[in-house]
């Protein structure tokens, strides 16, 4: 299933992107902004957490490897927000994916899948 259709099934209105690689982050934003409201695009977990705590957000598109913390730490700090999370990562580590399944509603997408 393509990412646009997947996000539509989640009744998405506002999306936050948390991805530290500027080219990939901009590509995701450009691709999705025709279909959804991009509420924010952040390079660190701390920036995304701060924004999400202050604003209503439906979906967090989250990279697992950020400069200030990892994606699991971001999810744990937002646990009380009940935000749906879509993981965007180069990692294909089954142990890590299983850990994430217990922390959040998510779909694991390898970078480059969005097309």
C-alpha atoms as a PDB file:
ATOM      1  CA  UNK A   1       0.000   0.000   0.000  1.00  0.00           C
ATOM      2  CA  UNK A   2       1.352   3.427  -0.887  1.00  0.00           C
ATOM      3  CA  UNK A   3       1.936   5.923   1.929  1.00  0.00           C
ATOM      4  CA  UNK A   4      -0.811   8.331   0.758  1.00  0.00           C
ATOM      5  CA  UNK A   5      -3.485   5.616   0.857  1.00  0.00           C
ATOM      6  CA  UNK A   6      -2.172   4.324   4.172  1.00  0.00           C
ATOM      7  CA  UNK A   7      -2.321   7.756   5.800  1.00  0.00           C
ATOM      8  CA  UNK A   8      -5.825   8.337   4.438  1.00  0.00           C
ATOM      9  CA  UNK A   9      -7.030   5.140   6.146  1.00  0.00           C
ATOM     10  CA  UNK A  10      -5.832   6.674   9.427  1.00  0.00           C
ATOM     11  CA  UNK A  11      -8.108   9.727   8.932  1.00  0.00           C
ATOM     12  CA  UNK A  12      -5.091  11.993   8.932  1.00  0.00           C
ATOM     13  CA  UNK A  13      -5.366  15.779   8.997  1.00  0.00           C
ATOM     14  CA  UNK A  14      -2.143  17.101  10.532  1.00  0.00           C
ATOM     15  CA  UNK A  15       1.240  15.438  10.100  1.00  0.00           C
ATOM     16  CA  UNK A  16       4.550  16.175  11.809  1.00  0.00           C
ATOM     17  CA  UNK A  17       7.784  14.962  10.219  1.00  0.00           C
ATOM     18  CA  UNK A  18      10.819  14.273  12.396  1.00  0.00           C
ATOM     19  CA  UNK A  19      13.754  13.445  10.111  1.00  0.00           C
ATOM     20  CA  UNK A  20      17.273  14.849  10.404  1.00  0.00           C
ATOM     21  CA  UNK A  21      18.391  14.308   6.793  1.00  0.00           C
ATOM     22  CA  UNK A  22      17.361  17.525   4.995  1.00  0.00           C
ATOM     23  CA  UNK A  23      16.972  16.078   1.489  1.00  0.00           C
ATOM     24  CA  UNK A  24      14.815  13.180   2.655  1.00  0.00           C
ATOM     25  CA  UNK A  25      12.824  15.401   5.019  1.00  0.00           C
ATOM     26  CA  UNK A  26      12.096  17.939   2.274  1.00  0.00           C
ATOM     27  CA  UNK A  27      11.176  15.159  -0.158  1.00  0.00           C
ATOM     28  CA  UNK A  28       8.642  13.687   2.274  1.00  0.00           C
ATOM     29  CA  UNK A  29       7.155  17.100   2.945  1.00  0.00           C
ATOM     30  CA  UNK A  30       6.899  17.996  -0.757  1.00  0.00           C
ATOM     31  CA  UNK A  31       5.339  14.618  -1.550  1.00  0.00           C
ATOM     32  CA  UNK A  32       2.710  14.729   1.207  1.00  0.00           C
ATOM     33  CA  UNK A  33       1.771  18.422   1.316  1.00  0.00           C
ATOM     34  CA  UNK A  34      -0.497  18.117  -1.730  1.00  0.00           C
ATOM     35  CA  UNK A  35      -2.679  15.683   0.249  1.00  0.00           C
ATOM     36  CA  UNK A  36      -2.246  16.579   3.930  1.00  0.00           C
ATOM     37  CA  UNK A  37      -1.436  19.500   6.199  1.00  0.00           C
ATOM     38  CA  UNK A  38       2.209  19.322   7.250  1.00  0.00           C
ATOM     39  CA  UNK A  39       2.065  20.893  10.707  1.00  0.00           C
ATOM     40  CA  UNK A  40       5.830  20.801  11.246  1.00  0.00           C
ATOM     41  CA  UNK A  41       9.097  19.398   9.976  1.00  0.00           C
ATOM     42  CA  UNK A  42      11.742  18.924  12.671  1.00  0.00           C
ATOM     43  CA  UNK A  43      15.338  17.712  12.712  1.00  0.00           C
ATOM     44  CA  UNK A  44      15.516  16.673  16.370  1.00  0.00           C
ATOM     45  CA  UNK A  45      13.343  14.647  18.690  1.00  0.00           C
ATOM     46  CA  UNK A  46      13.244  17.475  21.231  1.00  0.00           C
ATOM     47  CA  UNK A  47      11.830  19.932  18.674  1.00  0.00           C
ATOM     48  CA  UNK A  48       9.139  17.475  17.573  1.00  0.00           C
ATOM     49  CA  UNK A  49       8.199  16.584  21.168  1.00  0.00           C
ATOM     50  CA  UNK A  50       7.874  20.246  22.129  1.00  0.00           C
ATOM     51  CA  UNK A  51       5.661  21.006  19.125  1.00  0.00           C
ATOM     52  CA  UNK A  52       3.440  17.940  19.585  1.00  0.00           C
ATOM     53  CA  UNK A  53       2.925  18.693  23.286  1.00  0.00           C
ATOM     54  CA  UNK A  54       1.666  22.185  22.375  1.00  0.00           C
ATOM     55  CA  UNK A  55      -0.398  21.359  19.251  1.00  0.00           C
ATOM     56  CA  UNK A  56      -2.905  18.820  17.958  1.00  0.00           C
ATOM     57  CA  UNK A  57      -1.203  16.372  15.610  1.00  0.00           C
ATOM     58  CA  UNK A  58      -2.667  13.197  14.083  1.00  0.00           C
ATOM     59  CA  UNK A  59       0.449  11.437  12.761  1.00  0.00           C
ATOM     60  CA  UNK A  60       4.154  11.592  13.528  1.00  0.00           C
ATOM     61  CA  UNK A  61       6.453  10.427  10.719  1.00  0.00           C
ATOM     62  CA  UNK A  62       9.532   9.525  12.751  1.00  0.00           C
ATOM     63  CA  UNK A  63      13.095   8.612  11.870  1.00  0.00           C
ATOM     64  CA  UNK A  64      14.648   6.215  14.378  1.00  0.00           C
ATOM     65  CA  UNK A  65      18.147   7.694  14.304  1.00  0.00           C
ATOM     66  CA  UNK A  66      18.090  11.372  15.311  1.00  0.00           C
ATOM     67  CA  UNK A  67      20.992  13.563  16.470  1.00  0.00           C
ATOM     68  CA  UNK A  68      19.669  14.107  20.013  1.00  0.00           C
ATOM     69  CA  UNK A  69      17.798  10.870  20.789  1.00  0.00           C
ATOM     70  CA  UNK A  70      16.458   7.770  19.100  1.00  0.00           C
ATOM     71  CA  UNK A  71      12.919   7.229  17.873  1.00  0.00           C
ATOM     72  CA  UNK A  72      12.011   4.920  20.745  1.00  0.00           C
ATOM     73  CA  UNK A  73      12.841   7.709  23.218  1.00  0.00           C
ATOM     74  CA  UNK A  74      10.629  10.117  21.252  1.00  0.00           C
ATOM     75  CA  UNK A  75       7.737   7.625  21.328  1.00  0.00           C
ATOM     76  CA  UNK A  76       8.190   7.029  25.067  1.00  0.00           C
ATOM     77  CA  UNK A  77       8.124  10.771  25.805  1.00  0.00           C
ATOM     78  CA  UNK A  78       4.933  11.173  23.760  1.00  0.00           C
ATOM     79  CA  UNK A  79       3.215   8.095  25.184  1.00  0.00           C
ATOM     80  CA  UNK A  80       0.535  10.182  26.900  1.00  0.00           C
ATOM     81  CA  UNK A  81      -0.394  11.961  23.633  1.00  0.00           C
ATOM     82  CA  UNK A  82      -1.830   8.848  21.919  1.00  0.00           C
ATOM     83  CA  UNK A  83      -0.299   9.980  18.639  1.00  0.00           C
ATOM     84  CA  UNK A  84      -0.095   7.530  15.759  1.00  0.00           C
ATOM     85  CA  UNK A  85       3.476   7.028  14.591  1.00  0.00           C
ATOM     86  CA  UNK A  86       4.799   5.924  11.239  1.00  0.00           C
ATOM     87  CA  UNK A  87       8.454   4.908  11.378  1.00  0.00           C
ATOM     88  CA  UNK A  88      10.659   6.001   8.475  1.00  0.00           C
ATOM     89  CA  UNK A  89      14.039   4.351   8.687  1.00  0.00           C
ATOM     90  CA  UNK A  90      16.821   2.518   6.912  1.00  0.00           C
ATOM     91  CA  UNK A  91      16.834  -0.016   9.750  1.00  0.00           C
ATOM     92  CA  UNK A  92      15.355  -3.448   9.136  1.00  0.00           C
ATOM     93  CA  UNK A  93      16.130  -4.836  12.591  1.00  0.00           C
ATOM     94  CA  UNK A  94      13.365  -7.255  13.615  1.00  0.00           C
ATOM     95  CA  UNK A  95      14.155  -6.916  17.344  1.00  0.00           C
ATOM     96  CA  UNK A  96      13.849  -3.135  17.146  1.00  0.00           C
ATOM     97  CA  UNK A  97      10.630  -3.396  15.138  1.00  0.00           C
ATOM     98  CA  UNK A  98       9.146  -5.768  17.735  1.00  0.00           C
ATOM     99  CA  UNK A  99      10.058  -3.328  20.536  1.00  0.00           C
ATOM    100  CA  UNK A 100       8.259  -0.567  18.667  1.00  0.00           C
ATOM    101  CA  UNK A 101       5.105  -2.635  18.185  1.00  0.00           C
ATOM    102  CA  UNK A 102       4.556  -2.585  21.936  1.00  0.00           C
ATOM    103  CA  UNK A 103       4.980   1.186  22.193  1.00  0.00           C
ATOM    104  CA  UNK A 104       2.939   2.672  19.388  1.00  0.00           C
ATOM    105  CA  UNK A 105       0.679   2.193  16.408  1.00  0.00           C
ATOM    106  CA  UNK A 106       3.041   2.273  13.491  1.00  0.00           C
ATOM    107  CA  UNK A 107       3.991   0.956  10.115  1.00  0.00           C
ATOM    108  CA  UNK A 108       7.644   0.352   9.329  1.00  0.00           C
ATOM    109  CA  UNK A 109       8.683   1.868   6.034  1.00  0.00           C
ATOM    110  CA  UNK A 110      12.166   1.687   4.576  1.00  0.00           C
ATOM    111  CA  UNK A 111      13.454   4.981   3.234  1.00  0.00           C
ATOM    112  CA  UNK A 112      12.917   5.122  -0.484  1.00  0.00           C
ATOM    113  CA  UNK A 113       9.555   3.342  -0.393  1.00  0.00           C
ATOM    114  CA  UNK A 114       7.573   6.536  -0.818  1.00  0.00           C
ATOM    115  CA  UNK A 115       6.969   6.882  -4.547  1.00  0.00           C
END
